[in-house]
Amino acid sequence: MQNEYEVISNLNKETKHVYEKRYKSDNFELIINEDDVILAKKNNNKNINLEHEKLISTVLVSMLKKYAGQGILYINLTKEFNSILEKIKDIRNVRPSDNTITWPLRQAITKAIVDKNR
């Protein structure tokens, strides 16, 4: 069973509080809960490398901060996160700037911005 990943960024305090309640009631684990970003995970597959997951999360948050003026962004990253984790599972020294990590995340963020502006 694969994990489900969702990220919501550019939140104000009231909206963030609503999403925190929703994720807690739906049994999501909040991986990142910063001022304006929530990254939530569901299903908690024990076969994944948590260090890799943390690295991908850090890269994602740094990318999302560059899109602060785009309004609230909701992105379901289940497919991207799981494919990245699968590709890098046997690599010991993964760099945050590796295209295996950055490219799918950048594509998902760009797609969310385009879909939001339609």
C-alpha atoms as a PDB file:
ATOM      1  CA  MET A   1       0.000   0.000   0.000  1.00  0.00           C
ATOM      2  CA  GLN A   2       1.378   3.369  -0.982  1.00  0.00           C
ATOM      3  CA  ASN A   3       1.301   6.485   1.131  1.00  0.00           C
ATOM      4  CA  GLU A   4      -0.926   9.385   0.166  1.00  0.00           C
ATOM      5  CA  TYR A   5       0.675  12.829   0.225  1.00  0.00           C
ATOM      6  CA  GLU A   6      -1.090  16.181   0.062  1.00  0.00           C
ATOM      7  CA  VAL A   7       0.373  19.652   0.387  1.00  0.00           C
ATOM      8  CA  ILE A   8      -1.384  22.953   0.882  1.00  0.00           C
ATOM      9  CA  SER A   9       0.614  26.164   0.782  1.00  0.00           C
ATOM     10  CA  ASN A  10       0.166  29.913   1.111  1.00  0.00           C
ATOM     11  CA  LEU A  11      -2.335  29.533   3.950  1.00  0.00           C
ATOM     12  CA  ASN A  12      -3.500  32.204   6.334  1.00  0.00           C
ATOM     13  CA  LYS A  13      -4.032  31.310  10.008  1.00  0.00           C
ATOM     14  CA  GLU A  14      -7.780  30.680   9.800  1.00  0.00           C
ATOM     15  CA  THR A  15      -7.570  28.515   6.701  1.00  0.00           C
ATOM     16  CA  LYS A  16      -4.604  26.613   8.086  1.00  0.00           C
ATOM     17  CA  HIS A  17      -6.560  25.787  11.245  1.00  0.00           C
ATOM     18  CA  VAL A  18      -9.433  24.348   9.175  1.00  0.00           C
ATOM     19  CA  TYR A  19      -7.079  22.117   7.167  1.00  0.00           C
ATOM     20  CA  GLU A  20      -5.281  20.923  10.308  1.00  0.00           C
ATOM     21  CA  LYS A  21      -8.628  19.778  11.741  1.00  0.00           C
ATOM     22  CA  ARG A  22      -9.546  18.055   8.474  1.00  0.00           C
ATOM     23  CA  TYR A  23      -6.279  16.147   8.289  1.00  0.00           C
ATOM     24  CA  LYS A  24      -6.471  15.068  11.923  1.00  0.00           C
ATOM     25  CA  SER A  25     -10.035  13.819  11.483  1.00  0.00           C
ATOM     26  CA  ASP A  26      -9.043  11.902   8.313  1.00  0.00           C
ATOM     27  CA  ASN A  27      -6.086  10.225  10.110  1.00  0.00           C
ATOM     28  CA  PHE A  28      -3.366  12.008   8.164  1.00  0.00           C
ATOM     29  CA  GLU A  29       0.047  12.513   9.739  1.00  0.00           C
ATOM     30  CA  LEU A  30       1.328  16.071   9.416  1.00  0.00           C
ATOM     31  CA  ILE A  31       4.899  15.758   8.139  1.00  0.00           C
ATOM     32  CA  ILE A  32       5.398  19.504   7.820  1.00  0.00           C
ATOM     33  CA  ASN A  33       3.241  22.022   9.628  1.00  0.00           C
ATOM     34  CA  GLU A  34       4.879  25.404   9.134  1.00  0.00           C
ATOM     35  CA  ASP A  35       3.440  28.905   9.085  1.00  0.00           C
ATOM     36  CA  ASP A  36       1.975  28.700   5.597  1.00  0.00           C
ATOM     37  CA  VAL A  37       2.579  25.095   4.462  1.00  0.00           C
ATOM     38  CA  ILE A  38       1.024  21.785   5.490  1.00  0.00           C
ATOM     39  CA  LEU A  39       2.336  18.495   4.121  1.00  0.00           C
ATOM     40  CA  ALA A  40       0.197  15.546   5.199  1.00  0.00           C
ATOM     41  CA  LYS A  41       0.714  11.807   4.768  1.00  0.00           C
ATOM     42  CA  LYS A  42      -1.766   8.950   5.078  1.00  0.00           C
ATOM     43  CA  ASN A  43      -1.301   5.146   5.245  1.00  0.00           C
ATOM     44  CA  ASN A  44       2.272   5.263   6.624  1.00  0.00           C
ATOM     45  CA  ASN A  45       3.923   2.497   4.621  1.00  0.00           C
ATOM     46  CA  LYS A  46       6.757   1.226   6.823  1.00  0.00           C
ATOM     47  CA  ASN A  47       8.894   0.159   3.840  1.00  0.00           C
ATOM     48  CA  ILE A  48       9.965   3.675   2.898  1.00  0.00           C
ATOM     49  CA  ASN A  49      13.156   5.439   3.875  1.00  0.00           C
ATOM     50  CA  LEU A  50      12.141   8.214   6.265  1.00  0.00           C
ATOM     51  CA  GLU A  51      15.363  10.130   5.604  1.00  0.00           C
ATOM     52  CA  HIS A  52      14.499  10.251   1.906  1.00  0.00           C
ATOM     53  CA  GLU A  53      10.957  11.320   2.728  1.00  0.00           C
ATOM     54  CA  LYS A  54      12.289  14.125   4.931  1.00  0.00           C
ATOM     55  CA  LEU A  55      14.698  15.242   2.186  1.00  0.00           C
ATOM     56  CA  ILE A  56      11.918  15.367  -0.412  1.00  0.00           C
ATOM     57  CA  SER A  57       9.712  17.288   2.032  1.00  0.00           C
ATOM     58  CA  THR A  58      12.437  19.855   2.638  1.00  0.00           C
ATOM     59  CA  VAL A  59      13.005  20.339  -1.093  1.00  0.00           C
ATOM     60  CA  LEU A  60       9.249  20.695  -1.644  1.00  0.00           C
ATOM     61  CA  VAL A  61       8.855  23.372   1.037  1.00  0.00           C
ATOM     62  CA  SER A  62      11.785  25.372  -0.326  1.00  0.00           C
ATOM     63  CA  MET A  63      10.223  25.230  -3.811  1.00  0.00           C
ATOM     64  CA  LEU A  64       6.783  26.267  -2.555  1.00  0.00           C
ATOM     65  CA  LYS A  65       8.199  29.358  -0.849  1.00  0.00           C
ATOM     66  CA  LYS A  66       9.154  30.661  -4.303  1.00  0.00           C
ATOM     67  CA  TYR A  67       5.467  30.610  -5.316  1.00  0.00           C
ATOM     68  CA  ALA A  68       4.148  32.629  -2.365  1.00  0.00           C
ATOM     69  CA  GLY A  69       2.256  35.102  -4.556  1.00  0.00           C
ATOM     70  CA  GLN A  70       0.135  32.464  -6.285  1.00  0.00           C
ATOM     71  CA  GLY A  71      -2.574  32.199  -3.619  1.00  0.00           C
ATOM     72  CA  ILE A  72      -3.546  28.965  -1.863  1.00  0.00           C
ATOM     73  CA  LEU A  73      -2.206  25.907  -3.660  1.00  0.00           C
ATOM     74  CA  TYR A  74      -3.528  22.395  -3.052  1.00  0.00           C
ATOM     75  CA  ILE A  75      -1.478  19.597  -4.589  1.00  0.00           C
ATOM     76  CA  ASN A  76      -2.007  15.853  -4.305  1.00  0.00           C
ATOM     77  CA  LEU A  77       1.551  14.550  -4.518  1.00  0.00           C
ATOM     78  CA  THR A  78       0.838  10.851  -4.023  1.00  0.00           C
ATOM     79  CA  LYS A  79       2.066   9.779  -7.442  1.00  0.00           C
ATOM     80  CA  GLU A  80       5.115  12.048  -7.456  1.00  0.00           C
ATOM     81  CA  PHE A  81       6.247  11.282  -3.903  1.00  0.00           C
ATOM     82  CA  ASN A  82       5.904   7.521  -4.314  1.00  0.00           C
ATOM     83  CA  SER A  83       7.685   7.474  -7.679  1.00  0.00           C
ATOM     84  CA  ILE A  84      10.560   9.579  -6.304  1.00  0.00           C
ATOM     85  CA  LEU A  85      10.862   7.322  -3.255  1.00  0.00           C
ATOM     86  CA  GLU A  86      10.892   4.255  -5.518  1.00  0.00           C
ATOM     87  CA  LYS A  87      13.614   5.708  -7.761  1.00  0.00           C
ATOM     88  CA  ILE A  88      15.921   6.718  -4.915  1.00  0.00           C
ATOM     89  CA  LYS A  89      15.293   3.832  -2.504  1.00  0.00           C
ATOM     90  CA  ASP A  90      18.655   2.158  -3.190  1.00  0.00           C
ATOM     91  CA  ILE A  91      20.705   5.360  -3.302  1.00  0.00           C
ATOM     92  CA  ARG A  92      22.502   6.153  -0.067  1.00  0.00           C
ATOM     93  CA  ASN A  93      23.745   9.688  -0.719  1.00  0.00           C
ATOM     94  CA  VAL A  94      20.873  11.548  -2.319  1.00  0.00           C
ATOM     95  CA  ARG A  95      21.447  15.236  -2.987  1.00  0.00           C
ATOM     96  CA  PRO A  96      18.582  17.735  -2.649  1.00  0.00           C
ATOM     97  CA  SER A  97      19.464  19.167  -6.054  1.00  0.00           C
ATOM     98  CA  ASP A  98      19.121  15.801  -7.809  1.00  0.00           C
ATOM     99  CA  ASN A  99      16.799  16.031 -10.827  1.00  0.00           C
ATOM    100  CA  THR A 100      15.124  12.791  -9.756  1.00  0.00           C
ATOM    101  CA  ILE A 101      13.687  14.774  -6.844  1.00  0.00           C
ATOM    102  CA  THR A 102      13.327  18.310  -8.151  1.00  0.00           C
ATOM    103  CA  TRP A 103      11.842  17.720 -11.596  1.00  0.00           C
ATOM    104  CA  PRO A 104       8.627  15.852 -10.605  1.00  0.00           C
ATOM    105  CA  LEU A 105       7.986  18.282  -7.739  1.00  0.00           C
ATOM    106  CA  ARG A 106       8.482  21.323  -9.947  1.00  0.00           C
ATOM    107  CA  GLN A 107       6.127  19.826 -12.553  1.00  0.00           C
ATOM    108  CA  ALA A 108       3.436  19.144  -9.928  1.00  0.00           C
ATOM    109  CA  ILE A 109       3.678  22.683  -8.545  1.00  0.00           C
ATOM    110  CA  THR A 110       3.523  24.217 -12.018  1.00  0.00           C
ATOM    111  CA  LYS A 111       0.521  22.061 -12.931  1.00  0.00           C
ATOM    112  CA  ALA A 112      -1.289  23.117  -9.728  1.00  0.00           C
ATOM    113  CA  ILE A 113      -0.692  26.793 -10.540  1.00  0.00           C
ATOM    114  CA  VAL A 114      -1.948  26.387 -14.114  1.00  0.00           C
ATOM    115  CA  ASP A 115      -5.037  24.427 -12.979  1.00  0.00           C
ATOM    116  CA  LYS A 116      -5.794  27.057 -10.338  1.00  0.00           C
ATOM    117  CA  ASN A 117      -5.610  29.894 -12.879  1.00  0.00           C
ATOM    118  CA  ARG A 118      -8.020  28.207 -15.304  1.00  0.00           C
END
